[in-house]
Amino acid sequence: MKSILKYFLRGLLIFVPIAVTVFVLLWAFTGLDKIFRTLLRISIPGLGILITIAVIFLIGFLASNFVGRKLFGLVEKVFTKVPLVKLLYGSIKDLVEAFAGEEKKFDKPVIASLGQSGAKVMGFVTKETLTNLGLTDYVAVYLPQSYNFAGNVLLFPKEAVQPLDINGSEAMAFIVSGGVAAAKQEQSAAD
């Protein structure tokens, strides 16, 4: 009976992440495909996805020249003027730029001390000077949450923050996985 339960749990650990990932990807792709097929009145399944990819490449190409930058600058100006749209657009843009932009924001992983308890948190320095807030000896540290796309920004005295000698993607994987990713890497290195 124990081995049956063990096999089931092992199968569950493999099946659930794969199934959820496939489900989310299928949901996103079929949703985009349906939207584009409806808008363009076409009935070829999958063509909407190809159009989406082509539009993304076209936008990237256009944004790489002077006229395109001006055009998208105007669009951005409109999006940043409407109150609710400004909040949504600004948040999404900042998040995408933090991970994929030319100036990646999560490239300074740190450990920060939480007072005298000895507890420490791992995060990323996002602002090295807070003089505009009247905090001359403080830095802003973003603390992503494990298994979540949320986080908090805490302000720490500079002496409470220590840089880590790892790259940002390793630190993010460690945090988001709840520390499991690093354990797997260490285990792989030991094998």
C-alpha atoms as a PDB file:
ATOM      1  CA  MET A   1       0.000   0.000   0.000  1.00  0.00           C
ATOM      2  CA  LYS A   2       2.890   2.377   0.832  1.00  0.00           C
ATOM      3  CA  SER A   3       4.516   1.850  -2.562  1.00  0.00           C
ATOM      4  CA  ILE A   4       1.219   2.560  -4.353  1.00  0.00           C
ATOM      5  CA  LEU A   5       0.928   5.867  -2.511  1.00  0.00           C
ATOM      6  CA  LYS A   6       4.600   6.608  -3.218  1.00  0.00           C
ATOM      7  CA  TYR A   7       4.119   5.986  -6.952  1.00  0.00           C
ATOM      8  CA  PHE A   8       0.988   8.116  -6.994  1.00  0.00           C
ATOM      9  CA  LEU A   9       2.712  11.045  -5.252  1.00  0.00           C
ATOM     10  CA  ARG A  10       5.754  10.778  -7.517  1.00  0.00           C
ATOM     11  CA  GLY A  11       3.452  10.742 -10.555  1.00  0.00           C
ATOM     12  CA  LEU A  12       1.554  13.708  -9.159  1.00  0.00           C
ATOM     13  CA  LEU A  13       4.780  15.691  -8.732  1.00  0.00           C
ATOM     14  CA  ILE A  14       5.601  15.144 -12.382  1.00  0.00           C
ATOM     15  CA  PHE A  15       2.096  15.378 -13.844  1.00  0.00           C
ATOM     16  CA  VAL A  16       0.755  18.529 -12.142  1.00  0.00           C
ATOM     17  CA  PRO A  17       3.463  21.020 -13.232  1.00  0.00           C
ATOM     18  CA  ILE A  18       3.391  19.657 -16.790  1.00  0.00           C
ATOM     19  CA  ALA A  19      -0.426  19.645 -16.957  1.00  0.00           C
ATOM     20  CA  VAL A  20      -0.798  23.151 -15.525  1.00  0.00           C
ATOM     21  CA  THR A  21       1.897  24.558 -17.843  1.00  0.00           C
ATOM     22  CA  VAL A  22       0.327  22.915 -20.905  1.00  0.00           C
ATOM     23  CA  PHE A  23      -3.142  24.076 -19.816  1.00  0.00           C
ATOM     24  CA  VAL A  24      -2.054  27.711 -19.374  1.00  0.00           C
ATOM     25  CA  LEU A  25      -0.180  27.741 -22.694  1.00  0.00           C
ATOM     26  CA  LEU A  26      -3.108  26.144 -24.538  1.00  0.00           C
ATOM     27  CA  TRP A  27      -5.553  28.539 -22.890  1.00  0.00           C
ATOM     28  CA  ALA A  28      -3.452  31.576 -23.893  1.00  0.00           C
ATOM     29  CA  PHE A  29      -2.751  30.382 -27.425  1.00  0.00           C
ATOM     30  CA  THR A  30      -6.290  29.232 -28.190  1.00  0.00           C
ATOM     31  CA  GLY A  31      -7.651  32.456 -26.719  1.00  0.00           C
ATOM     32  CA  LEU A  32      -5.403  34.589 -28.933  1.00  0.00           C
ATOM     33  CA  ASP A  33      -6.133  32.368 -31.917  1.00  0.00           C
ATOM     34  CA  LYS A  34      -9.895  32.728 -31.378  1.00  0.00           C
ATOM     35  CA  ILE A  35      -9.660  36.503 -30.980  1.00  0.00           C
ATOM     36  CA  PHE A  36      -7.662  36.971 -34.183  1.00  0.00           C
ATOM     37  CA  ARG A  37      -9.774  34.492 -36.167  1.00  0.00           C
ATOM     38  CA  THR A  38     -12.905  36.362 -35.067  1.00  0.00           C
ATOM     39  CA  LEU A  39     -11.464  39.790 -35.815  1.00  0.00           C
ATOM     40  CA  LEU A  40     -10.080  38.788 -39.198  1.00  0.00           C
ATOM     41  CA  ARG A  41     -12.985  36.460 -40.063  1.00  0.00           C
ATOM     42  CA  ILE A  42     -10.748  33.530 -40.939  1.00  0.00           C
ATOM     43  CA  SER A  43     -11.412  29.892 -40.160  1.00  0.00           C
ATOM     44  CA  ILE A  44      -7.953  28.345 -40.256  1.00  0.00           C
ATOM     45  CA  PRO A  45      -7.047  27.119 -36.748  1.00  0.00           C
ATOM     46  CA  GLY A  46      -3.623  28.276 -35.618  1.00  0.00           C
ATOM     47  CA  LEU A  47      -3.459  31.190 -38.035  1.00  0.00           C
ATOM     48  CA  GLY A  48      -4.314  33.591 -35.205  1.00  0.00           C
ATOM     49  CA  ILE A  49      -1.211  32.477 -33.316  1.00  0.00           C
ATOM     50  CA  LEU A  50       0.978  32.998 -36.374  1.00  0.00           C
ATOM     51  CA  ILE A  51      -0.542  36.457 -36.848  1.00  0.00           C
ATOM     52  CA  THR A  52       0.135  37.279 -33.182  1.00  0.00           C
ATOM     53  CA  ILE A  53       3.798  36.283 -33.535  1.00  0.00           C
ATOM     54  CA  ALA A  54       4.091  38.250 -36.784  1.00  0.00           C
ATOM     55  CA  VAL A  55       2.512  41.349 -35.182  1.00  0.00           C
ATOM     56  CA  ILE A  56       4.957  41.149 -32.247  1.00  0.00           C
ATOM     57  CA  PHE A  57       7.918  40.980 -34.645  1.00  0.00           C
ATOM     58  CA  LEU A  58       6.460  43.844 -36.712  1.00  0.00           C
ATOM     59  CA  ILE A  59       6.041  46.020 -33.609  1.00  0.00           C
ATOM     60  CA  GLY A  60       9.626  45.238 -32.567  1.00  0.00           C
ATOM     61  CA  PHE A  61      10.874  46.132 -36.045  1.00  0.00           C
ATOM     62  CA  LEU A  62       8.883  49.383 -36.168  1.00  0.00           C
ATOM     63  CA  ALA A  63       9.955  50.367 -32.652  1.00  0.00           C
ATOM     64  CA  SER A  64      13.581  50.034 -33.741  1.00  0.00           C
ATOM     65  CA  ASN A  65      13.450  53.041 -36.080  1.00  0.00           C
ATOM     66  CA  PHE A  66      12.774  56.745 -35.583  1.00  0.00           C
ATOM     67  CA  VAL A  67       9.224  56.844 -36.982  1.00  0.00           C
ATOM     68  CA  GLY A  68       8.156  53.784 -34.999  1.00  0.00           C
ATOM     69  CA  ARG A  69       9.575  55.160 -31.747  1.00  0.00           C
ATOM     70  CA  LYS A  70       7.628  58.395 -32.287  1.00  0.00           C
ATOM     71  CA  LEU A  71       4.426  56.481 -33.075  1.00  0.00           C
ATOM     72  CA  PHE A  72       4.693  54.209 -30.036  1.00  0.00           C
ATOM     73  CA  GLY A  73       5.693  57.231 -27.939  1.00  0.00           C
ATOM     74  CA  LEU A  74       2.355  58.839 -28.855  1.00  0.00           C
ATOM     75  CA  VAL A  75       0.473  55.652 -27.993  1.00  0.00           C
ATOM     76  CA  GLU A  76       2.291  55.477 -24.653  1.00  0.00           C
ATOM     77  CA  LYS A  77       1.478  59.119 -23.952  1.00  0.00           C
ATOM     78  CA  VAL A  78      -2.234  58.377 -24.433  1.00  0.00           C
ATOM     79  CA  PHE A  79      -2.030  55.288 -22.207  1.00  0.00           C
ATOM     80  CA  THR A  80      -0.293  57.245 -19.434  1.00  0.00           C
ATOM     81  CA  LYS A  81      -2.928  60.005 -19.367  1.00  0.00           C
ATOM     82  CA  VAL A  82      -6.056  57.912 -18.663  1.00  0.00           C
ATOM     83  CA  PRO A  83      -6.223  57.240 -14.882  1.00  0.00           C
ATOM     84  CA  LEU A  84      -7.073  53.508 -14.655  1.00  0.00           C
ATOM     85  CA  VAL A  85      -5.307  52.636 -17.923  1.00  0.00           C
ATOM     86  CA  LYS A  86      -2.197  54.456 -16.653  1.00  0.00           C
ATOM     87  CA  LEU A  87      -2.023  52.244 -13.564  1.00  0.00           C
ATOM     88  CA  LEU A  88      -2.536  49.005 -15.494  1.00  0.00           C
ATOM     89  CA  TYR A  89      -0.278  49.904 -18.425  1.00  0.00           C
ATOM     90  CA  GLY A  90       2.478  51.327 -16.221  1.00  0.00           C
ATOM     91  CA  SER A  91       2.564  48.295 -13.943  1.00  0.00           C
ATOM     92  CA  ILE A  92       2.646  45.792 -16.788  1.00  0.00           C
ATOM     93  CA  LYS A  93       5.266  47.796 -18.703  1.00  0.00           C
ATOM     94  CA  ASP A  94       7.513  48.088 -15.638  1.00  0.00           C
ATOM     95  CA  LEU A  95       7.233  44.363 -14.932  1.00  0.00           C
ATOM     96  CA  VAL A  96       8.039  43.357 -18.524  1.00  0.00           C
ATOM     97  CA  GLU A  97      10.953  45.814 -18.698  1.00  0.00           C
ATOM     98  CA  ALA A  98      12.299  44.557 -15.370  1.00  0.00           C
ATOM     99  CA  PHE A  99      12.637  41.044 -16.788  1.00  0.00           C
ATOM    100  CA  ALA A 100      13.176  41.561 -20.516  1.00  0.00           C
ATOM    101  CA  GLY A 101      14.107  45.210 -21.057  1.00  0.00           C
ATOM    102  CA  GLU A 102      17.527  46.523 -22.001  1.00  0.00           C
ATOM    103  CA  GLU A 103      18.062  47.711 -18.425  1.00  0.00           C
ATOM    104  CA  LYS A 104      17.092  44.645 -16.430  1.00  0.00           C
ATOM    105  CA  LYS A 105      15.985  45.723 -12.959  1.00  0.00           C
ATOM    106  CA  PHE A 106      16.554  42.425 -11.184  1.00  0.00           C
ATOM    107  CA  ASP A 107      20.297  42.198 -11.725  1.00  0.00           C
ATOM    108  CA  LYS A 108      21.465  43.180  -8.231  1.00  0.00           C
ATOM    109  CA  PRO A 109      20.560  40.301  -5.891  1.00  0.00           C
ATOM    110  CA  VAL A 110      21.139  40.988  -2.203  1.00  0.00           C
ATOM    111  CA  ILE A 111      20.619  39.585   1.266  1.00  0.00           C
ATOM    112  CA  ALA A 112      19.091  42.038   3.724  1.00  0.00           C
ATOM    113  CA  SER A 113      19.114  41.678   7.512  1.00  0.00           C
ATOM    114  CA  LEU A 114      15.837  41.978   9.401  1.00  0.00           C
ATOM    115  CA  GLY A 115      17.026  43.526  12.633  1.00  0.00           C
ATOM    116  CA  GLN A 116      18.490  41.722  15.609  1.00  0.00           C
ATOM    117  CA  SER A 117      16.628  38.446  15.063  1.00  0.00           C
ATOM    118  CA  GLY A 118      19.287  37.281  12.623  1.00  0.00           C
ATOM    119  CA  ALA A 119      16.634  36.612   9.971  1.00  0.00           C
ATOM    120  CA  LYS A 120      17.561  37.566   6.431  1.00  0.00           C
ATOM    121  CA  VAL A 121      15.612  38.042   3.228  1.00  0.00           C
ATOM    122  CA  MET A 122      16.736  37.731  -0.376  1.00  0.00           C
ATOM    123  CA  GLY A 123      15.740  40.343  -2.895  1.00  0.00           C
ATOM    124  CA  PHE A 124      16.947  42.822  -5.488  1.00  0.00           C
ATOM    125  CA  VAL A 125      18.133  46.396  -5.069  1.00  0.00           C
ATOM    126  CA  THR A 126      15.860  48.463  -7.304  1.00  0.00           C
ATOM    127  CA  LYS A 127      16.865  51.951  -6.155  1.00  0.00           C
ATOM    128  CA  GLU A 128      20.284  52.724  -4.723  1.00  0.00           C
ATOM    129  CA  THR A 129      19.462  56.191  -3.487  1.00  0.00           C
ATOM    130  CA  LEU A 130      16.322  57.403  -1.762  1.00  0.00           C
ATOM    131  CA  THR A 131      17.288  61.016  -1.198  1.00  0.00           C
ATOM    132  CA  ASN A 132      14.024  62.084  -2.844  1.00  0.00           C
ATOM    133  CA  LEU A 133      12.277  60.468   0.145  1.00  0.00           C
ATOM    134  CA  GLY A 134      14.653  62.043   2.653  1.00  0.00           C
ATOM    135  CA  LEU A 135      16.375  58.698   3.307  1.00  0.00           C
ATOM    136  CA  THR A 136      19.982  59.322   2.381  1.00  0.00           C
ATOM    137  CA  ASP A 137      21.432  56.085   3.786  1.00  0.00           C
ATOM    138  CA  TYR A 138      18.710  53.706   2.539  1.00  0.00           C
ATOM    139  CA  VAL A 139      18.140  51.534  -0.537  1.00  0.00           C
ATOM    140  CA  ALA A 140      14.939  50.052  -1.976  1.00  0.00           C
ATOM    141  CA  VAL A 141      14.898  46.244  -2.049  1.00  0.00           C
ATOM    142  CA  TYR A 142      12.222  44.336  -3.958  1.00  0.00           C
ATOM    143  CA  LEU A 143      11.306  41.056  -2.287  1.00  0.00           C
ATOM    144  CA  PRO A 144       9.501  38.707  -4.706  1.00  0.00           C
ATOM    145  CA  GLN A 145       7.174  36.163  -3.158  1.00  0.00           C
ATOM    146  CA  SER A 146       7.555  32.420  -3.596  1.00  0.00           C
ATOM    147  CA  TYR A 147       5.115  30.714  -5.992  1.00  0.00           C
ATOM    148  CA  ASN A 148       3.521  34.061  -6.785  1.00  0.00           C
ATOM    149  CA  PHE A 149       3.879  37.022  -9.133  1.00  0.00           C
ATOM    150  CA  ALA A 150       3.744  39.503  -6.290  1.00  0.00           C
ATOM    151  CA  GLY A 151       6.247  41.042  -3.955  1.00  0.00           C
ATOM    152  CA  ASN A 152       7.004  43.884  -1.587  1.00  0.00           C
ATOM    153  CA  VAL A 153       9.417  46.774  -1.592  1.00  0.00           C
ATOM    154  CA  LEU A 154      11.157  47.346   1.724  1.00  0.00           C
ATOM    155  CA  LEU A 155      13.531  50.187   2.525  1.00  0.00           C
ATOM    156  CA  PHE A 156      16.690  49.049   4.280  1.00  0.00           C
ATOM    157  CA  PRO A 157      19.647  50.947   5.681  1.00  0.00           C
ATOM    158  CA  LYS A 158      22.560  50.444   3.274  1.00  0.00           C
ATOM    159  CA  GLU A 159      24.612  48.644   5.918  1.00  0.00           C
ATOM    160  CA  ALA A 160      21.845  46.033   6.307  1.00  0.00           C
ATOM    161  CA  VAL A 161      22.149  45.010   2.636  1.00  0.00           C
ATOM    162  CA  GLN A 162      24.869  42.703   1.344  1.00  0.00           C
ATOM    163  CA  PRO A 163      25.335  41.937  -2.383  1.00  0.00           C
ATOM    164  CA  LEU A 164      25.221  38.299  -3.488  1.00  0.00           C
ATOM    165  CA  ASP A 165      27.750  36.753  -5.835  1.00  0.00           C
ATOM    166  CA  ILE A 166      25.141  35.089  -8.072  1.00  0.00           C
ATOM    167  CA  ASN A 167      23.323  36.294 -11.157  1.00  0.00           C
ATOM    168  CA  GLY A 168      19.798  37.697 -11.002  1.00  0.00           C
ATOM    169  CA  SER A 169      18.117  34.711 -12.653  1.00  0.00           C
ATOM    170  CA  GLU A 170      19.592  32.299 -10.089  1.00  0.00           C
ATOM    171  CA  ALA A 171      18.430  34.525  -7.233  1.00  0.00           C
ATOM    172  CA  MET A 172      14.939  34.857  -8.746  1.00  0.00           C
ATOM    173  CA  ALA A 173      14.688  31.083  -9.246  1.00  0.00           C
ATOM    174  CA  PHE A 174      15.732  30.524  -5.621  1.00  0.00           C
ATOM    175  CA  ILE A 175      13.146  33.002  -4.291  1.00  0.00           C
ATOM    176  CA  VAL A 176      10.219  32.083  -6.518  1.00  0.00           C
ATOM    177  CA  SER A 177      10.720  28.357  -5.929  1.00  0.00           C
ATOM    178  CA  GLY A 178      10.778  28.832  -2.171  1.00  0.00           C
ATOM    179  CA  GLY A 179      14.460  27.851  -2.065  1.00  0.00           C
ATOM    180  CA  VAL A 180      13.909  24.557  -3.891  1.00  0.00           C
ATOM    181  CA  ALA A 181      15.686  25.599  -7.111  1.00  0.00           C
ATOM    182  CA  ALA A 182      19.000  26.127  -5.348  1.00  0.00           C
ATOM    183  CA  ALA A 183      18.703  22.778  -3.615  1.00  0.00           C
ATOM    184  CA  LYS A 184      18.241  21.079  -6.990  1.00  0.00           C
ATOM    185  CA  GLN A 185      21.275  22.906  -8.417  1.00  0.00           C
ATOM    186  CA  GLU A 186      23.410  21.933  -5.429  1.00  0.00           C
ATOM    187  CA  GLN A 187      22.191  18.339  -5.718  1.00  0.00           C
ATOM    188  CA  SER A 188      23.017  18.275  -9.453  1.00  0.00           C
ATOM    189  CA  ALA A 189      26.512  19.593  -8.702  1.00  0.00           C
ATOM    190  CA  ALA A 190      27.029  16.921  -6.046  1.00  0.00           C
ATOM    191  CA  ASP A 191      25.956  14.081  -8.419  1.00  0.00           C
END
